[in-house]
Amino acid sequence: MSGTVTMYSTTWCGYCRRLKSQLEREGIAFTEINIEEDPDAVALVEKANDGNRTVPTLVVVPGGGGPEVTMTNPSLAEVKQALAA
């Protein structure tokens, strides 16, 4: 699947671990950024989530030329759909 996925996460987030496992199982490459170690990442996550540090937050750049999409705690199906846009 073309496009890029960036996942903003924490080490303790169960939803993050689950989604990472699903992406890996499907062969979808992603870059992971731990917001506990990156102040700029915290700002991005808070901006996307009305001031909250909600993870996983994903930024998906579709392979088909569609607009960049920011998603909070998406399902695997939602990530695949965003990548295909």
PDB file of N, CA and C in Angstrom:
ATOM      1  N   MET A   1       0.849  -1.173   0.000  1.00  0.00           N
ATOM      2  CA  MET A   1       0.000   0.000   0.000  1.00  0.00           C
ATOM      3  C   MET A   1       0.893   1.235   0.000  1.00  0.00           C
ATOM      4  N   SER A   2       0.666   2.163  -0.918  1.00  0.00           N
ATOM      5  CA  SER A   2       1.502   3.358  -0.967  1.00  0.00           C
ATOM      6  C   SER A   2       0.952   4.421  -0.027  1.00  0.00           C
ATOM      7  N   GLY A   3       1.728   5.466   0.169  1.00  0.00           N
ATOM      8  CA  GLY A   3       1.374   6.499   1.121  1.00  0.00           C
ATOM      9  C   GLY A   3       2.236   6.343   2.358  1.00  0.00           C
ATOM     10  N   THR A   4       2.063   7.254   3.313  1.00  0.00           N
ATOM     11  CA  THR A   4       2.837   7.178   4.543  1.00  0.00           C
ATOM     12  C   THR A   4       1.923   7.290   5.755  1.00  0.00           C
ATOM     13  N   VAL A   5       2.349   6.644   6.818  1.00  0.00           N
ATOM     14  CA  VAL A   5       1.628   6.681   8.082  1.00  0.00           C
ATOM     15  C   VAL A   5       2.620   7.064   9.169  1.00  0.00           C
ATOM     16  N   THR A   6       2.271   8.069   9.955  1.00  0.00           N
ATOM     17  CA  THR A   6       3.045   8.433  11.135  1.00  0.00           C
ATOM     18  C   THR A   6       2.130   8.259  12.337  1.00  0.00           C
ATOM     19  N   MET A   7       2.585   7.454  13.291  1.00  0.00           N
ATOM     20  CA  MET A   7       1.800   7.197  14.495  1.00  0.00           C
ATOM     21  C   MET A   7       2.446   7.900  15.680  1.00  0.00           C
ATOM     22  N   TYR A   8       1.668   8.720  16.348  1.00  0.00           N
ATOM     23  CA  TYR A   8       2.087   9.360  17.586  1.00  0.00           C
ATOM     24  C   TYR A   8       1.533   8.521  18.725  1.00  0.00           C
ATOM     25  N   SER A   9       2.417   8.088  19.623  1.00  0.00           N
ATOM     26  CA  SER A   9       2.019   7.114  20.631  1.00  0.00           C
ATOM     27  C   SER A   9       2.770   7.347  21.933  1.00  0.00           C
ATOM     28  N   THR A  10       2.510   6.461  22.902  1.00  0.00           N
ATOM     29  CA  THR A  10       3.275   6.393  24.145  1.00  0.00           C
ATOM     30  C   THR A  10       3.614   4.925  24.378  1.00  0.00           C
ATOM     31  N   THR A  11       4.544   4.681  25.283  1.00  0.00           N
ATOM     32  CA  THR A  11       4.941   3.298  25.567  1.00  0.00           C
ATOM     33  C   THR A  11       3.864   2.534  26.320  1.00  0.00           C
ATOM     34  N   TRP A  12       3.023   3.225  27.070  1.00  0.00           N
ATOM     35  CA  TRP A  12       2.037   2.574  27.934  1.00  0.00           C
ATOM     36  C   TRP A  12       0.656   2.425  27.305  1.00  0.00           C
ATOM     37  N   CYS A  13       0.466   2.883  26.080  1.00  0.00           N
ATOM     38  CA  CYS A  13      -0.859   2.912  25.442  1.00  0.00           C
ATOM     39  C   CYS A  13      -1.217   1.557  24.816  1.00  0.00           C
ATOM     40  N   GLY A  14      -2.216   0.899  25.371  1.00  0.00           N
ATOM     41  CA  GLY A  14      -2.672  -0.384  24.839  1.00  0.00           C
ATOM     42  C   GLY A  14      -3.278  -0.263  23.451  1.00  0.00           C
ATOM     43  N   TYR A  15      -4.004   0.825  23.186  1.00  0.00           N
ATOM     44  CA  TYR A  15      -4.592   1.028  21.862  1.00  0.00           C
ATOM     45  C   TYR A  15      -3.491   1.193  20.816  1.00  0.00           C
ATOM     46  N   CYS A  16      -2.398   1.846  21.213  1.00  0.00           N
ATOM     47  CA  CYS A  16      -1.253   2.018  20.304  1.00  0.00           C
ATOM     48  C   CYS A  16      -0.638   0.666  19.971  1.00  0.00           C
ATOM     49  N   ARG A  17      -0.412  -0.145  20.989  1.00  0.00           N
ATOM     50  CA  ARG A  17       0.180  -1.470  20.762  1.00  0.00           C
ATOM     51  C   ARG A  17      -0.695  -2.313  19.844  1.00  0.00           C
ATOM     52  N   ARG A  18      -2.000  -2.265  20.064  1.00  0.00           N
ATOM     53  CA  ARG A  18      -2.909  -3.056  19.232  1.00  0.00           C
ATOM     54  C   ARG A  18      -2.852  -2.603  17.781  1.00  0.00           C
ATOM     55  N   LEU A  19      -2.937  -1.294  17.538  1.00  0.00           N
ATOM     56  CA  LEU A  19      -2.927  -0.795  16.170  1.00  0.00           C
ATOM     57  C   LEU A  19      -1.579  -1.068  15.503  1.00  0.00           C
ATOM     58  N   LYS A  20      -0.467  -0.910  16.232  1.00  0.00           N
ATOM     59  CA  LYS A  20       0.851  -1.225  15.664  1.00  0.00           C
ATOM     60  C   LYS A  20       0.894  -2.682  15.217  1.00  0.00           C
ATOM     61  N   SER A  21       0.399  -3.570  16.041  1.00  0.00           N
ATOM     62  CA  SER A  21       0.378  -4.993  15.705  1.00  0.00           C
ATOM     63  C   SER A  21      -0.445  -5.252  14.450  1.00  0.00           C
ATOM     64  N   GLN A  22      -1.588  -4.601  14.351  1.00  0.00           N
ATOM     65  CA  GLN A  22      -2.449  -4.784  13.182  1.00  0.00           C
ATOM     66  C   GLN A  22      -1.775  -4.251  11.914  1.00  0.00           C
ATOM     67  N   LEU A  23      -1.155  -3.087  12.005  1.00  0.00           N
ATOM     68  CA  LEU A  23      -0.461  -2.516  10.846  1.00  0.00           C
ATOM     69  C   LEU A  23       0.680  -3.420  10.402  1.00  0.00           C
ATOM     70  N   GLU A  24       1.458  -3.903  11.365  1.00  0.00           N
ATOM     71  CA  GLU A  24       2.565  -4.807  11.035  1.00  0.00           C
ATOM     72  C   GLU A  24       2.059  -6.083  10.390  1.00  0.00           C
ATOM     73  N   ARG A  25       0.997  -6.653  10.910  1.00  0.00           N
ATOM     74  CA  ARG A  25       0.429  -7.885  10.357  1.00  0.00           C
ATOM     75  C   ARG A  25      -0.033  -7.680   8.910  1.00  0.00           C
ATOM     76  N   GLU A  26      -0.537  -6.478   8.606  1.00  0.00           N
ATOM     77  CA  GLU A  26      -1.016  -6.173   7.256  1.00  0.00           C
ATOM     78  C   GLU A  26       0.092  -5.680   6.331  1.00  0.00           C
ATOM     79  N   GLY A  27       1.308  -5.538   6.859  1.00  0.00           N
ATOM     80  CA  GLY A  27       2.425  -5.079   6.042  1.00  0.00           C
ATOM     81  C   GLY A  27       2.388  -3.592   5.733  1.00  0.00           C
ATOM     82  N   ILE A  28       1.710  -2.825   6.568  1.00  0.00           N
ATOM     83  CA  ILE A  28       1.622  -1.382   6.366  1.00  0.00           C
ATOM     84  C   ILE A  28       2.748  -0.726   7.166  1.00  0.00           C
ATOM     85  N   ALA A  29       3.666  -0.105   6.452  1.00  0.00           N
ATOM     86  CA  ALA A  29       4.798   0.553   7.093  1.00  0.00           C
ATOM     87  C   ALA A  29       4.336   1.831   7.786  1.00  0.00           C
ATOM     88  N   PHE A  30       4.970   2.135   8.911  1.00  0.00           N
ATOM     89  CA  PHE A  30       4.640   3.367   9.621  1.00  0.00           C
ATOM     90  C   PHE A  30       5.868   3.841  10.388  1.00  0.00           C
ATOM     91  N   THR A  31       5.860   5.118  10.685  1.00  0.00           N
ATOM     92  CA  THR A  31       6.876   5.719  11.536  1.00  0.00           C
ATOM     93  C   THR A  31       6.207   6.011  12.865  1.00  0.00           C
ATOM     94  N   GLU A  32       6.852   5.602  13.953  1.00  0.00           N
ATOM     95  CA  GLU A  32       6.277   5.834  15.274  1.00  0.00           C
ATOM     96  C   GLU A  32       7.059   6.924  15.989  1.00  0.00           C
ATOM     97  N   ILE A  33       6.320   7.852  16.597  1.00  0.00           N
ATOM     98  CA  ILE A  33       6.921   8.923  17.373  1.00  0.00           C
ATOM     99  C   ILE A  33       6.310   8.890  18.769  1.00  0.00           C
ATOM    100  N   ASN A  34       7.172   8.723  19.777  1.00  0.00           N
ATOM    101  CA  ASN A  34       6.737   8.677  21.165  1.00  0.00           C
ATOM    102  C   ASN A  34       6.590  10.117  21.664  1.00  0.00           C
ATOM    103  N   ILE A  35       5.370  10.523  21.983  1.00  0.00           N
ATOM    104  CA  ILE A  35       5.144  11.916  22.380  1.00  0.00           C
ATOM    105  C   ILE A  35       5.765  12.240  23.736  1.00  0.00           C
ATOM    106  N   GLU A  36       6.102  11.226  24.507  1.00  0.00           N
ATOM    107  CA  GLU A  36       6.754  11.465  25.796  1.00  0.00           C
ATOM    108  C   GLU A  36       8.203  11.918  25.620  1.00  0.00           C
ATOM    109  N   GLU A  37       8.743  11.737  24.427  1.00  0.00           N
ATOM    110  CA  GLU A  37      10.135  12.083  24.150  1.00  0.00           C
ATOM    111  C   GLU A  37      10.287  13.231  23.151  1.00  0.00           C
ATOM    112  N   ASP A  38       9.158  13.789  22.671  1.00  0.00           N
ATOM    113  CA  ASP A  38       9.227  14.788  21.607  1.00  0.00           C
ATOM    114  C   ASP A  38       8.204  15.899  21.855  1.00  0.00           C
ATOM    115  N   PRO A  39       8.640  17.055  22.364  1.00  0.00           N
ATOM    116  CA  PRO A  39       7.705  18.153  22.654  1.00  0.00           C
ATOM    117  C   PRO A  39       6.932  18.637  21.426  1.00  0.00           C
ATOM    118  N   ASP A  40       7.560  18.612  20.252  1.00  0.00           N
ATOM    119  CA  ASP A  40       6.853  19.024  19.036  1.00  0.00           C
ATOM    120  C   ASP A  40       5.709  18.064  18.722  1.00  0.00           C
ATOM    121  N   ALA A  41       5.928  16.786  18.996  1.00  0.00           N
ATOM    122  CA  ALA A  41       4.887  15.787  18.759  1.00  0.00           C
ATOM    123  C   ALA A  41       3.715  15.992  19.715  1.00  0.00           C
ATOM    124  N   VAL A  42       4.017  16.364  20.957  1.00  0.00           N
ATOM    125  CA  VAL A  42       2.949  16.655  21.922  1.00  0.00           C
ATOM    126  C   VAL A  42       2.075  17.779  21.385  1.00  0.00           C
ATOM    127  N   ALA A  43       2.687  18.822  20.869  1.00  0.00           N
ATOM    128  CA  ALA A  43       1.938  19.968  20.338  1.00  0.00           C
ATOM    129  C   ALA A  43       1.038  19.538  19.183  1.00  0.00           C
ATOM    130  N   LEU A  44       1.549  18.694  18.290  1.00  0.00           N
ATOM    131  CA  LEU A  44       0.750  18.223  17.157  1.00  0.00           C
ATOM    132  C   LEU A  44      -0.447  17.417  17.643  1.00  0.00           C
ATOM    133  N   VAL A  45      -0.226  16.509  18.585  1.00  0.00           N
ATOM    134  CA  VAL A  45      -1.310  15.670  19.106  1.00  0.00           C
ATOM    135  C   VAL A  45      -2.350  16.522  19.825  1.00  0.00           C
ATOM    136  N   GLU A  46      -1.911  17.469  20.633  1.00  0.00           N
ATOM    137  CA  GLU A  46      -2.852  18.342  21.336  1.00  0.00           C
ATOM    138  C   GLU A  46      -3.667  19.184  20.364  1.00  0.00           C
ATOM    139  N   LYS A  47      -3.035  19.681  19.315  1.00  0.00           N
ATOM    140  CA  LYS A  47      -3.755  20.479  18.312  1.00  0.00           C
ATOM    141  C   LYS A  47      -4.814  19.640  17.609  1.00  0.00           C
ATOM    142  N   ALA A  48      -4.491  18.399  17.323  1.00  0.00           N
ATOM    143  CA  ALA A  48      -5.429  17.514  16.615  1.00  0.00           C
ATOM    144  C   ALA A  48      -6.572  17.036  17.499  1.00  0.00           C
ATOM    145  N   ASN A  49      -6.396  17.132  18.822  1.00  0.00           N
ATOM    146  CA  ASN A  49      -7.369  16.538  19.746  1.00  0.00           C
ATOM    147  C   ASN A  49      -7.886  17.536  20.778  1.00  0.00           C
ATOM    148  N   ASP A  50      -8.134  18.761  20.340  1.00  0.00           N
ATOM    149  CA  ASP A  50      -8.733  19.787  21.203  1.00  0.00           C
ATOM    150  C   ASP A  50      -7.994  19.953  22.527  1.00  0.00           C
ATOM    151  N   GLY A  51      -6.666  19.937  22.484  1.00  0.00           N
ATOM    152  CA  GLY A  51      -5.860  20.153  23.671  1.00  0.00           C
ATOM    153  C   GLY A  51      -5.534  18.896  24.454  1.00  0.00           C
ATOM    154  N   ASN A  52      -6.074  17.759  24.042  1.00  0.00           N
ATOM    155  CA  ASN A  52      -5.832  16.501  24.747  1.00  0.00           C
ATOM    156  C   ASN A  52      -4.673  15.739  24.130  1.00  0.00           C
ATOM    157  N   ARG A  53      -3.994  14.957  24.953  1.00  0.00           N
ATOM    158  CA  ARG A  53      -2.885  14.113  24.484  1.00  0.00           C
ATOM    159  C   ARG A  53      -3.408  12.709  24.199  1.00  0.00           C
ATOM    160  N   THR A  54      -4.316  12.612  23.257  1.00  0.00           N
ATOM    161  CA  THR A  54      -4.960  11.345  22.936  1.00  0.00           C
ATOM    162  C   THR A  54      -4.131  10.593  21.902  1.00  0.00           C
ATOM    163  N   VAL A  55      -3.768   9.357  22.239  1.00  0.00           N
ATOM    164  CA  VAL A  55      -3.010   8.506  21.331  1.00  0.00           C
ATOM    165  C   VAL A  55      -3.712   7.162  21.211  1.00  0.00           C
ATOM    166  N   PRO A  56      -3.554   6.462  20.114  1.00  0.00           N
ATOM    167  CA  PRO A  56      -2.732   6.845  18.972  1.00  0.00           C
ATOM    168  C   PRO A  56      -3.391   7.933  18.128  1.00  0.00           C
ATOM    169  N   THR A  57      -2.577   8.884  17.720  1.00  0.00           N
ATOM    170  CA  THR A  57      -2.973   9.862  16.716  1.00  0.00           C
ATOM    171  C   THR A  57      -2.111   9.570  15.499  1.00  0.00           C
ATOM    172  N   LEU A  58      -2.758   9.435  14.343  1.00  0.00           N
ATOM    173  CA  LEU A  58      -2.040   9.108  13.110  1.00  0.00           C
ATOM    174  C   LEU A  58      -2.164  10.246  12.116  1.00  0.00           C
ATOM    175  N   VAL A  59      -1.094  10.477  11.384  1.00  0.00           N
ATOM    176  CA  VAL A  59      -1.122  11.370  10.231  1.00  0.00           C
ATOM    177  C   VAL A  59      -0.864  10.486   9.023  1.00  0.00           C
ATOM    178  N   VAL A  60      -1.848  10.458   8.123  1.00  0.00           N
ATOM    179  CA  VAL A  60      -1.779   9.592   6.945  1.00  0.00           C
ATOM    180  C   VAL A  60      -1.707  10.466   5.699  1.00  0.00           C
ATOM    181  N   VAL A  61      -0.696  10.214   4.880  1.00  0.00           N
ATOM    182  CA  VAL A  61      -0.588  10.861   3.569  1.00  0.00           C
ATOM    183  C   VAL A  61      -0.928   9.788   2.555  1.00  0.00           C
ATOM    184  N   PRO A  62      -2.078   9.911   1.894  1.00  0.00           N
ATOM    185  CA  PRO A  62      -2.527   8.876   0.971  1.00  0.00           C
ATOM    186  C   PRO A  62      -1.607   8.707  -0.224  1.00  0.00           C
ATOM    187  N   GLY A  63      -1.585   7.495  -0.733  1.00  0.00           N
ATOM    188  CA  GLY A  63      -0.778   7.197  -1.902  1.00  0.00           C
ATOM    189  C   GLY A  63      -1.400   7.692  -3.192  1.00  0.00           C
ATOM    190  N   GLY A  64      -2.699   7.932  -3.174  1.00  0.00           N
ATOM    191  CA  GLY A  64      -3.399   8.350  -4.381  1.00  0.00           C
ATOM    192  C   GLY A  64      -3.453   9.844  -4.598  1.00  0.00           C
ATOM    193  N   GLY A  65      -2.743  10.603  -3.776  1.00  0.00           N
ATOM    194  CA  GLY A  65      -2.714  12.046  -3.975  1.00  0.00           C
ATOM    195  C   GLY A  65      -3.785  12.800  -3.214  1.00  0.00           C
ATOM    196  N   GLY A  66      -4.545  12.117  -2.385  1.00  0.00           N
ATOM    197  CA  GLY A  66      -5.557  12.787  -1.579  1.00  0.00           C
ATOM    198  C   GLY A  66      -4.917  13.626  -0.491  1.00  0.00           C
ATOM    199  N   PRO A  67      -5.727  14.411   0.206  1.00  0.00           N
ATOM    200  CA  PRO A  67      -5.176  15.280   1.252  1.00  0.00           C
ATOM    201  C   PRO A  67      -4.715  14.487   2.479  1.00  0.00           C
ATOM    202  N   GLU A  68      -3.759  15.049   3.189  1.00  0.00           N
ATOM    203  CA  GLU A  68      -3.278  14.473   4.442  1.00  0.00           C
ATOM    204  C   GLU A  68      -4.447  14.381   5.424  1.00  0.00           C
ATOM    205  N   VAL A  69      -4.490  13.279   6.177  1.00  0.00           N
ATOM    206  CA  VAL A  69      -5.577  13.036   7.116  1.00  0.00           C
ATOM    207  C   VAL A  69      -4.978  12.792   8.498  1.00  0.00           C
ATOM    208  N   THR A  70      -5.540  13.441   9.508  1.00  0.00           N
ATOM    209  CA  THR A  70      -5.157  13.182  10.892  1.00  0.00           C
ATOM    210  C   THR A  70      -6.286  12.401  11.539  1.00  0.00           C
ATOM    211  N   MET A  71      -5.936  11.290  12.193  1.00  0.00           N
ATOM    212  CA  MET A  71      -6.934  10.388  12.760  1.00  0.00           C
ATOM    213  C   MET A  71      -6.573  10.073  14.205  1.00  0.00           C
ATOM    214  N   THR A  72      -7.585   9.975  15.057  1.00  0.00           N
ATOM    215  CA  THR A  72      -7.362   9.624  16.451  1.00  0.00           C
ATOM    216  C   THR A  72      -7.966   8.258  16.728  1.00  0.00           C
ATOM    217  N   ASN A  73      -7.133   7.349  17.203  1.00  0.00           N
ATOM    218  CA  ASN A  73      -7.523   5.981  17.535  1.00  0.00           C
ATOM    219  C   ASN A  73      -8.351   5.333  16.421  1.00  0.00           C
ATOM    220  N   PRO A  74      -7.831   5.343  15.194  1.00  0.00           N
ATOM    221  CA  PRO A  74      -8.596   4.773  14.086  1.00  0.00           C
ATOM    222  C   PRO A  74      -8.539   3.250  14.087  1.00  0.00           C
ATOM    223  N   SER A  75      -9.490   2.666  13.392  1.00  0.00           N
ATOM    224  CA  SER A  75      -9.456   1.221  13.156  1.00  0.00           C
ATOM    225  C   SER A  75      -8.492   0.942  12.005  1.00  0.00           C
ATOM    226  N   LEU A  76      -8.105  -0.307  11.858  1.00  0.00           N
ATOM    227  CA  LEU A  76      -7.256  -0.707  10.743  1.00  0.00           C
ATOM    228  C   LEU A  76      -7.950  -0.381   9.422  1.00  0.00           C
ATOM    229  N   ALA A  77      -9.242  -0.634   9.337  1.00  0.00           N
ATOM    230  CA  ALA A  77     -10.000  -0.358   8.112  1.00  0.00           C
ATOM    231  C   ALA A  77      -9.963   1.135   7.776  1.00  0.00           C
ATOM    232  N   GLU A  78     -10.046   1.990   8.778  1.00  0.00           N
ATOM    233  CA  GLU A  78     -10.004   3.438   8.536  1.00  0.00           C
ATOM    234  C   GLU A  78      -8.630   3.856   8.022  1.00  0.00           C
ATOM    235  N   VAL A  79      -7.579   3.268   8.545  1.00  0.00           N
ATOM    236  CA  VAL A  79      -6.223   3.592   8.080  1.00  0.00           C
ATOM    237  C   VAL A  79      -6.079   3.143   6.619  1.00  0.00           C
ATOM    238  N   LYS A  80      -6.533   1.950   6.312  1.00  0.00           N
ATOM    239  CA  LYS A  80      -6.440   1.463   4.921  1.00  0.00           C
ATOM    240  C   LYS A  80      -7.212   2.363   3.969  1.00  0.00           C
ATOM    241  N   GLN A  81      -8.393   2.798   4.387  1.00  0.00           N
ATOM    242  CA  GLN A  81      -9.212   3.665   3.553  1.00  0.00           C
ATOM    243  C   GLN A  81      -8.506   5.012   3.322  1.00  0.00           C
ATOM    244  N   ALA A  82      -7.899   5.560   4.374  1.00  0.00           N
ATOM    245  CA  ALA A  82      -7.188   6.833   4.243  1.00  0.00           C
ATOM    246  C   ALA A  82      -5.987   6.699   3.312  1.00  0.00           C
ATOM    247  N   LEU A  83      -5.271   5.589   3.401  1.00  0.00           N
ATOM    248  CA  LEU A  83      -4.120   5.368   2.529  1.00  0.00           C
ATOM    249  C   LEU A  83      -4.518   5.248   1.065  1.00  0.00           C
ATOM    250  N   ALA A  84      -5.690   4.730   0.806  1.00  0.00           N
ATOM    251  CA  ALA A  84      -6.150   4.494  -0.561  1.00  0.00           C
ATOM    252  C   ALA A  84      -6.706   5.741  -1.226  1.00  0.00           C
ATOM    253  N   ALA A  85      -6.948   6.801  -0.472  1.00  0.00           N
ATOM    254  CA  ALA A  85      -7.590   8.021  -1.024  1.00  0.00           C
ATOM    255  C   ALA A  85      -6.704   8.688  -2.067  1.00  0.00           C
TER     256      ALA A  85
END
